[in-house]
Amino acid sequence: MYKLDRTAFKIQTFQESDDDVAFWKSMSIEEVFDYAWMLTCQTYKINAHEIIRMDKTVFEMHKNG
């Protein structure tokens, strides 16, 4: 689906940086979240299409009183 383009990272001029900001502002919030999720999945080696469930066995509930 997505692949990280390692050639995209470089030292930028101020104009190139402004163009990058304009690119992100031109996208819908859903598209930005999709890119953020894709980067998160790549960072933590998560399958982007798998439903992740919280491990509730780690937590305990205590009744105060």
PDB file of N, CA and C in Angstrom:
ATOM      1  N   MET A   1       0.831  -1.185   0.000  1.00  0.00           N
ATOM      2  CA  MET A   1       0.000   0.000   0.000  1.00  0.00           C
ATOM      3  C   MET A   1       0.883   1.258   0.000  1.00  0.00           C
ATOM      4  N   TYR A   2       1.593   1.501   1.073  1.00  0.00           N
ATOM      5  CA  TYR A   2       2.506   2.632   1.144  1.00  0.00           C
ATOM      6  C   TYR A   2       3.915   2.102   1.306  1.00  0.00           C
ATOM      7  N   LYS A   3       4.872   2.829   0.820  1.00  0.00           N
ATOM      8  CA  LYS A   3       6.257   2.470   1.023  1.00  0.00           C
ATOM      9  C   LYS A   3       7.028   3.742   1.340  1.00  0.00           C
ATOM     10  N   LEU A   4       7.880   3.685   2.351  1.00  0.00           N
ATOM     11  CA  LEU A   4       8.655   4.840   2.760  1.00  0.00           C
ATOM     12  C   LEU A   4       9.703   5.152   1.700  1.00  0.00           C
ATOM     13  N   ASP A   5       9.668   6.358   1.186  1.00  0.00           N
ATOM     14  CA  ASP A   5      10.619   6.810   0.180  1.00  0.00           C
ATOM     15  C   ASP A   5      11.803   7.449   0.897  1.00  0.00           C
ATOM     16  N   ARG A   6      12.890   6.705   1.026  1.00  0.00           N
ATOM     17  CA  ARG A   6      14.051   7.198   1.776  1.00  0.00           C
ATOM     18  C   ARG A   6      14.788   8.317   1.049  1.00  0.00           C
ATOM     19  N   THR A   7      14.526   8.513  -0.222  1.00  0.00           N
ATOM     20  CA  THR A   7      15.166   9.604  -0.951  1.00  0.00           C
ATOM     21  C   THR A   7      14.488  10.930  -0.669  1.00  0.00           C
ATOM     22  N   ALA A   8      13.359  10.908   0.032  1.00  0.00           N
ATOM     23  CA  ALA A   8      12.616  12.134   0.311  1.00  0.00           C
ATOM     24  C   ALA A   8      13.245  12.960   1.423  1.00  0.00           C
ATOM     25  N   PHE A   9      14.171  12.376   2.180  1.00  0.00           N
ATOM     26  CA  PHE A   9      14.776  13.080   3.295  1.00  0.00           C
ATOM     27  C   PHE A   9      16.074  13.744   2.854  1.00  0.00           C
ATOM     28  N   LYS A  10      16.116  15.050   2.962  1.00  0.00           N
ATOM     29  CA  LYS A  10      17.314  15.797   2.561  1.00  0.00           C
ATOM     30  C   LYS A  10      17.285  17.162   3.232  1.00  0.00           C
ATOM     31  N   ILE A  11      18.393  17.862   3.143  1.00  0.00           N
ATOM     32  CA  ILE A  11      18.443  19.240   3.636  1.00  0.00           C
ATOM     33  C   ILE A  11      17.632  20.093   2.670  1.00  0.00           C
ATOM     34  N   GLN A  12      16.750  20.928   3.217  1.00  0.00           N
ATOM     35  CA  GLN A  12      15.842  21.706   2.381  1.00  0.00           C
ATOM     36  C   GLN A  12      16.151  23.198   2.476  1.00  0.00           C
ATOM     37  N   THR A  13      15.799  23.892   1.398  1.00  0.00           N
ATOM     38  CA  THR A  13      15.826  25.352   1.437  1.00  0.00           C
ATOM     39  C   THR A  13      14.540  25.820   2.096  1.00  0.00           C
ATOM     40  N   PHE A  14      14.465  27.084   2.423  1.00  0.00           N
ATOM     41  CA  PHE A  14      13.243  27.621   3.017  1.00  0.00           C
ATOM     42  C   PHE A  14      12.058  27.490   2.062  1.00  0.00           C
ATOM     43  N   GLN A  15      12.286  27.678   0.758  1.00  0.00           N
ATOM     44  CA  GLN A  15      11.216  27.551  -0.230  1.00  0.00           C
ATOM     45  C   GLN A  15      10.710  26.118  -0.303  1.00  0.00           C
ATOM     46  N   GLU A  16      11.621  25.153  -0.285  1.00  0.00           N
ATOM     47  CA  GLU A  16      11.206  23.752  -0.313  1.00  0.00           C
ATOM     48  C   GLU A  16      10.419  23.395   0.940  1.00  0.00           C
ATOM     49  N   SER A  17      10.838  23.947   2.060  1.00  0.00           N
ATOM     50  CA  SER A  17      10.117  23.701   3.307  1.00  0.00           C
ATOM     51  C   SER A  17       8.708  24.294   3.246  1.00  0.00           C
ATOM     52  N   ASP A  18       8.571  25.490   2.696  1.00  0.00           N
ATOM     53  CA  ASP A  18       7.245  26.109   2.540  1.00  0.00           C
ATOM     54  C   ASP A  18       6.360  25.280   1.620  1.00  0.00           C
ATOM     55  N   ASP A  19       6.953  24.732   0.564  1.00  0.00           N
ATOM     56  CA  ASP A  19       6.188  23.876  -0.349  1.00  0.00           C
ATOM     57  C   ASP A  19       5.700  22.619   0.367  1.00  0.00           C
ATOM     58  N   ASP A  20       6.529  22.080   1.251  1.00  0.00           N
ATOM     59  CA  ASP A  20       6.159  20.893   2.013  1.00  0.00           C
ATOM     60  C   ASP A  20       4.978  21.200   2.934  1.00  0.00           C
ATOM     61  N   VAL A  21       4.999  22.350   3.582  1.00  0.00           N
ATOM     62  CA  VAL A  21       3.895  22.751   4.458  1.00  0.00           C
ATOM     63  C   VAL A  21       2.617  22.917   3.634  1.00  0.00           C
ATOM     64  N   ALA A  22       2.736  23.506   2.466  1.00  0.00           N
ATOM     65  CA  ALA A  22       1.567  23.693   1.595  1.00  0.00           C
ATOM     66  C   ALA A  22       0.991  22.339   1.170  1.00  0.00           C
ATOM     67  N   PHE A  23       1.870  21.365   0.927  1.00  0.00           N
ATOM     68  CA  PHE A  23       1.411  20.019   0.552  1.00  0.00           C
ATOM     69  C   PHE A  23       0.545  19.421   1.657  1.00  0.00           C
ATOM     70  N   TRP A  24       1.024  19.473   2.918  1.00  0.00           N
ATOM     71  CA  TRP A  24       0.279  18.886   4.025  1.00  0.00           C
ATOM     72  C   TRP A  24      -1.011  19.642   4.296  1.00  0.00           C
ATOM     73  N   LYS A  25      -1.011  20.955   4.112  1.00  0.00           N
ATOM     74  CA  LYS A  25      -2.224  21.742   4.346  1.00  0.00           C
ATOM     75  C   LYS A  25      -3.270  21.514   3.254  1.00  0.00           C
ATOM     76  N   SER A  26      -2.826  21.037   2.081  1.00  0.00           N
ATOM     77  CA  SER A  26      -3.765  20.790   0.985  1.00  0.00           C
ATOM     78  C   SER A  26      -4.525  19.474   1.169  1.00  0.00           C
ATOM     79  N   MET A  27      -4.072  18.632   2.094  1.00  0.00           N
ATOM     80  CA  MET A  27      -4.682  17.324   2.306  1.00  0.00           C
ATOM     81  C   MET A  27      -5.811  17.410   3.328  1.00  0.00           C
ATOM     82  N   SER A  28      -6.749  16.481   3.226  1.00  0.00           N
ATOM     83  CA  SER A  28      -7.812  16.392   4.219  1.00  0.00           C
ATOM     84  C   SER A  28      -7.245  15.802   5.506  1.00  0.00           C
ATOM     85  N   ILE A  29      -7.924  16.008   6.597  1.00  0.00           N
ATOM     86  CA  ILE A  29      -7.459  15.488   7.886  1.00  0.00           C
ATOM     87  C   ILE A  29      -7.412  13.957   7.872  1.00  0.00           C
ATOM     88  N   GLU A  30      -8.322  13.332   7.140  1.00  0.00           N
ATOM     89  CA  GLU A  30      -8.320  11.877   7.033  1.00  0.00           C
ATOM     90  C   GLU A  30      -7.056  11.377   6.335  1.00  0.00           C
ATOM     91  N   GLU A  31      -6.638  12.077   5.273  1.00  0.00           N
ATOM     92  CA  GLU A  31      -5.420  11.684   4.565  1.00  0.00           C
ATOM     93  C   GLU A  31      -4.184  11.856   5.451  1.00  0.00           C
ATOM     94  N   VAL A  32      -4.162  12.927   6.234  1.00  0.00           N
ATOM     95  CA  VAL A  32      -3.036  13.157   7.142  1.00  0.00           C
ATOM     96  C   VAL A  32      -2.983  12.054   8.192  1.00  0.00           C
ATOM     97  N   PHE A  33      -4.131  11.670   8.748  1.00  0.00           N
ATOM     98  CA  PHE A  33      -4.173  10.586   9.727  1.00  0.00           C
ATOM     99  C   PHE A  33      -3.748   9.256   9.100  1.00  0.00           C
ATOM    100  N   ASP A  34      -4.126   9.026   7.836  1.00  0.00           N
ATOM    101  CA  ASP A  34      -3.699   7.803   7.144  1.00  0.00           C
ATOM    102  C   ASP A  34      -2.176   7.741   7.029  1.00  0.00           C
ATOM    103  N   TYR A  35      -1.557   8.863   6.661  1.00  0.00           N
ATOM    104  CA  TYR A  35      -0.099   8.905   6.580  1.00  0.00           C
ATOM    105  C   TYR A  35       0.528   8.715   7.958  1.00  0.00           C
ATOM    106  N   ALA A  36      -0.033   9.347   8.981  1.00  0.00           N
ATOM    107  CA  ALA A  36       0.500   9.207  10.341  1.00  0.00           C
ATOM    108  C   ALA A  36       0.402   7.758  10.806  1.00  0.00           C
ATOM    109  N   TRP A  37      -0.713   7.099  10.502  1.00  0.00           N
ATOM    110  CA  TRP A  37      -0.893   5.698  10.900  1.00  0.00           C
ATOM    111  C   TRP A  37       0.101   4.805  10.153  1.00  0.00           C
ATOM    112  N   MET A  38       0.319   5.088   8.874  1.00  0.00           N
ATOM    113  CA  MET A  38       1.268   4.314   8.079  1.00  0.00           C
ATOM    114  C   MET A  38       2.668   4.443   8.672  1.00  0.00           C
ATOM    115  N   LEU A  39       3.077   5.641   9.056  1.00  0.00           N
ATOM    116  CA  LEU A  39       4.403   5.835   9.648  1.00  0.00           C
ATOM    117  C   LEU A  39       4.510   5.159  11.013  1.00  0.00           C
ATOM    118  N   THR A  40       3.441   5.212  11.800  1.00  0.00           N
ATOM    119  CA  THR A  40       3.422   4.543  13.104  1.00  0.00           C
ATOM    120  C   THR A  40       3.573   3.039  12.920  1.00  0.00           C
ATOM    121  N   CYS A  41       2.860   2.474  11.958  1.00  0.00           N
ATOM    122  CA  CYS A  41       2.930   1.034  11.693  1.00  0.00           C
ATOM    123  C   CYS A  41       4.325   0.628  11.249  1.00  0.00           C
ATOM    124  N   GLN A  42       4.960   1.430  10.419  1.00  0.00           N
ATOM    125  CA  GLN A  42       6.311   1.117   9.975  1.00  0.00           C
ATOM    126  C   GLN A  42       7.301   1.209  11.128  1.00  0.00           C
ATOM    127  N   THR A  43       7.121   2.187  11.996  1.00  0.00           N
ATOM    128  CA  THR A  43       8.038   2.377  13.116  1.00  0.00           C
ATOM    129  C   THR A  43       7.968   1.220  14.094  1.00  0.00           C
ATOM    130  N   TYR A  44       6.756   0.794  14.448  1.00  0.00           N
ATOM    131  CA  TYR A  44       6.575  -0.246  15.454  1.00  0.00           C
ATOM    132  C   TYR A  44       6.338  -1.628  14.858  1.00  0.00           C
ATOM    133  N   LYS A  45       6.495  -1.758  13.530  1.00  0.00           N
ATOM    134  CA  LYS A  45       6.324  -3.035  12.822  1.00  0.00           C
ATOM    135  C   LYS A  45       4.959  -3.667  13.123  1.00  0.00           C
ATOM    136  N   ILE A  46       3.925  -2.847  12.960  1.00  0.00           N
ATOM    137  CA  ILE A  46       2.544  -3.265  13.180  1.00  0.00           C
ATOM    138  C   ILE A  46       1.906  -3.536  11.825  1.00  0.00           C
ATOM    139  N   ASN A  47       1.086  -4.565  11.740  1.00  0.00           N
ATOM    140  CA  ASN A  47       0.314  -4.813  10.531  1.00  0.00           C
ATOM    141  C   ASN A  47      -0.813  -3.777  10.491  1.00  0.00           C
ATOM    142  N   ALA A  48      -0.814  -2.925   9.495  1.00  0.00           N
ATOM    143  CA  ALA A  48      -1.763  -1.815   9.411  1.00  0.00           C
ATOM    144  C   ALA A  48      -3.204  -2.282   9.258  1.00  0.00           C
ATOM    145  N   HIS A  49      -3.418  -3.507   8.781  1.00  0.00           N
ATOM    146  CA  HIS A  49      -4.765  -3.994   8.511  1.00  0.00           C
ATOM    147  C   HIS A  49      -5.300  -4.900   9.618  1.00  0.00           C
ATOM    148  N   GLU A  50      -4.504  -5.124  10.639  1.00  0.00           N
ATOM    149  CA  GLU A  50      -4.914  -5.987  11.742  1.00  0.00           C
ATOM    150  C   GLU A  50      -5.500  -5.141  12.874  1.00  0.00           C
ATOM    151  N   ILE A  51      -6.586  -5.608  13.449  1.00  0.00           N
ATOM    152  CA  ILE A  51      -7.195  -4.901  14.575  1.00  0.00           C
ATOM    153  C   ILE A  51      -6.353  -5.166  15.818  1.00  0.00           C
ATOM    154  N   ILE A  52      -5.927  -4.106  16.469  1.00  0.00           N
ATOM    155  CA  ILE A  52      -5.076  -4.235  17.651  1.00  0.00           C
ATOM    156  C   ILE A  52      -5.952  -4.122  18.887  1.00  0.00           C
ATOM    157  N   ARG A  53      -5.837  -5.090  19.756  1.00  0.00           N
ATOM    158  CA  ARG A  53      -6.624  -5.096  20.984  1.00  0.00           C
ATOM    159  C   ARG A  53      -5.696  -4.879  22.172  1.00  0.00           C
ATOM    160  N   MET A  54      -6.194  -4.157  23.165  1.00  0.00           N
ATOM    161  CA  MET A  54      -5.421  -3.895  24.364  1.00  0.00           C
ATOM    162  C   MET A  54      -5.381  -5.147  25.231  1.00  0.00           C
ATOM    163  N   ASP A  55      -4.207  -5.454  25.783  1.00  0.00           N
ATOM    164  CA  ASP A  55      -4.059  -6.590  26.672  1.00  0.00           C
ATOM    165  C   ASP A  55      -4.583  -6.191  28.048  1.00  0.00           C
ATOM    166  N   LYS A  56      -5.792  -6.608  28.375  1.00  0.00           N
ATOM    167  CA  LYS A  56      -6.436  -6.209  29.623  1.00  0.00           C
ATOM    168  C   LYS A  56      -6.005  -7.059  30.808  1.00  0.00           C
ATOM    169  N   THR A  57      -5.185  -8.084  30.571  1.00  0.00           N
ATOM    170  CA  THR A  57      -4.719  -8.906  31.685  1.00  0.00           C
ATOM    171  C   THR A  57      -3.622  -8.196  32.480  1.00  0.00           C
ATOM    172  N   VAL A  58      -3.068  -7.143  31.943  1.00  0.00           N
ATOM    173  CA  VAL A  58      -1.989  -6.422  32.609  1.00  0.00           C
ATOM    174  C   VAL A  58      -2.541  -5.535  33.719  1.00  0.00           C
ATOM    175  N   PHE A  59      -3.764  -5.094  33.589  1.00  0.00           N
ATOM    176  CA  PHE A  59      -4.340  -4.133  34.521  1.00  0.00           C
ATOM    177  C   PHE A  59      -5.208  -4.854  35.553  1.00  0.00           C
ATOM    178  N   GLU A  60      -5.290  -4.267  36.732  1.00  0.00           N
ATOM    179  CA  GLU A  60      -6.152  -4.792  37.795  1.00  0.00           C
ATOM    180  C   GLU A  60      -7.066  -3.669  38.282  1.00  0.00           C
ATOM    181  N   MET A  61      -8.272  -4.041  38.652  1.00  0.00           N
ATOM    182  CA  MET A  61      -9.201  -3.066  39.212  1.00  0.00           C
ATOM    183  C   MET A  61      -9.277  -3.294  40.719  1.00  0.00           C
ATOM    184  N   HIS A  62      -9.254  -2.214  41.468  1.00  0.00           N
ATOM    185  CA  HIS A  62      -9.371  -2.291  42.926  1.00  0.00           C
ATOM    186  C   HIS A  62     -10.564  -1.469  43.350  1.00  0.00           C
ATOM    187  N   LYS A  63     -11.329  -1.996  44.236  1.00  0.00           N
ATOM    188  CA  LYS A  63     -12.482  -1.280  44.766  1.00  0.00           C
ATOM    189  C   LYS A  63     -12.021  -0.483  45.982  1.00  0.00           C
ATOM    190  N   ASN A  64     -12.217   0.816  45.920  1.00  0.00           N
ATOM    191  CA  ASN A  64     -11.847   1.676  47.044  1.00  0.00           C
ATOM    192  C   ASN A  64     -12.932   1.597  48.118  1.00  0.00           C
ATOM    193  N   GLY A  65     -12.512   1.466  49.324  1.00  0.00           N
ATOM    194  CA  GLY A  65     -13.543   1.510  50.363  1.00  0.00           C
ATOM    195  C   GLY A  65     -13.320   0.614  51.502  1.00  0.00           C
TER     196      GLY A  65
END
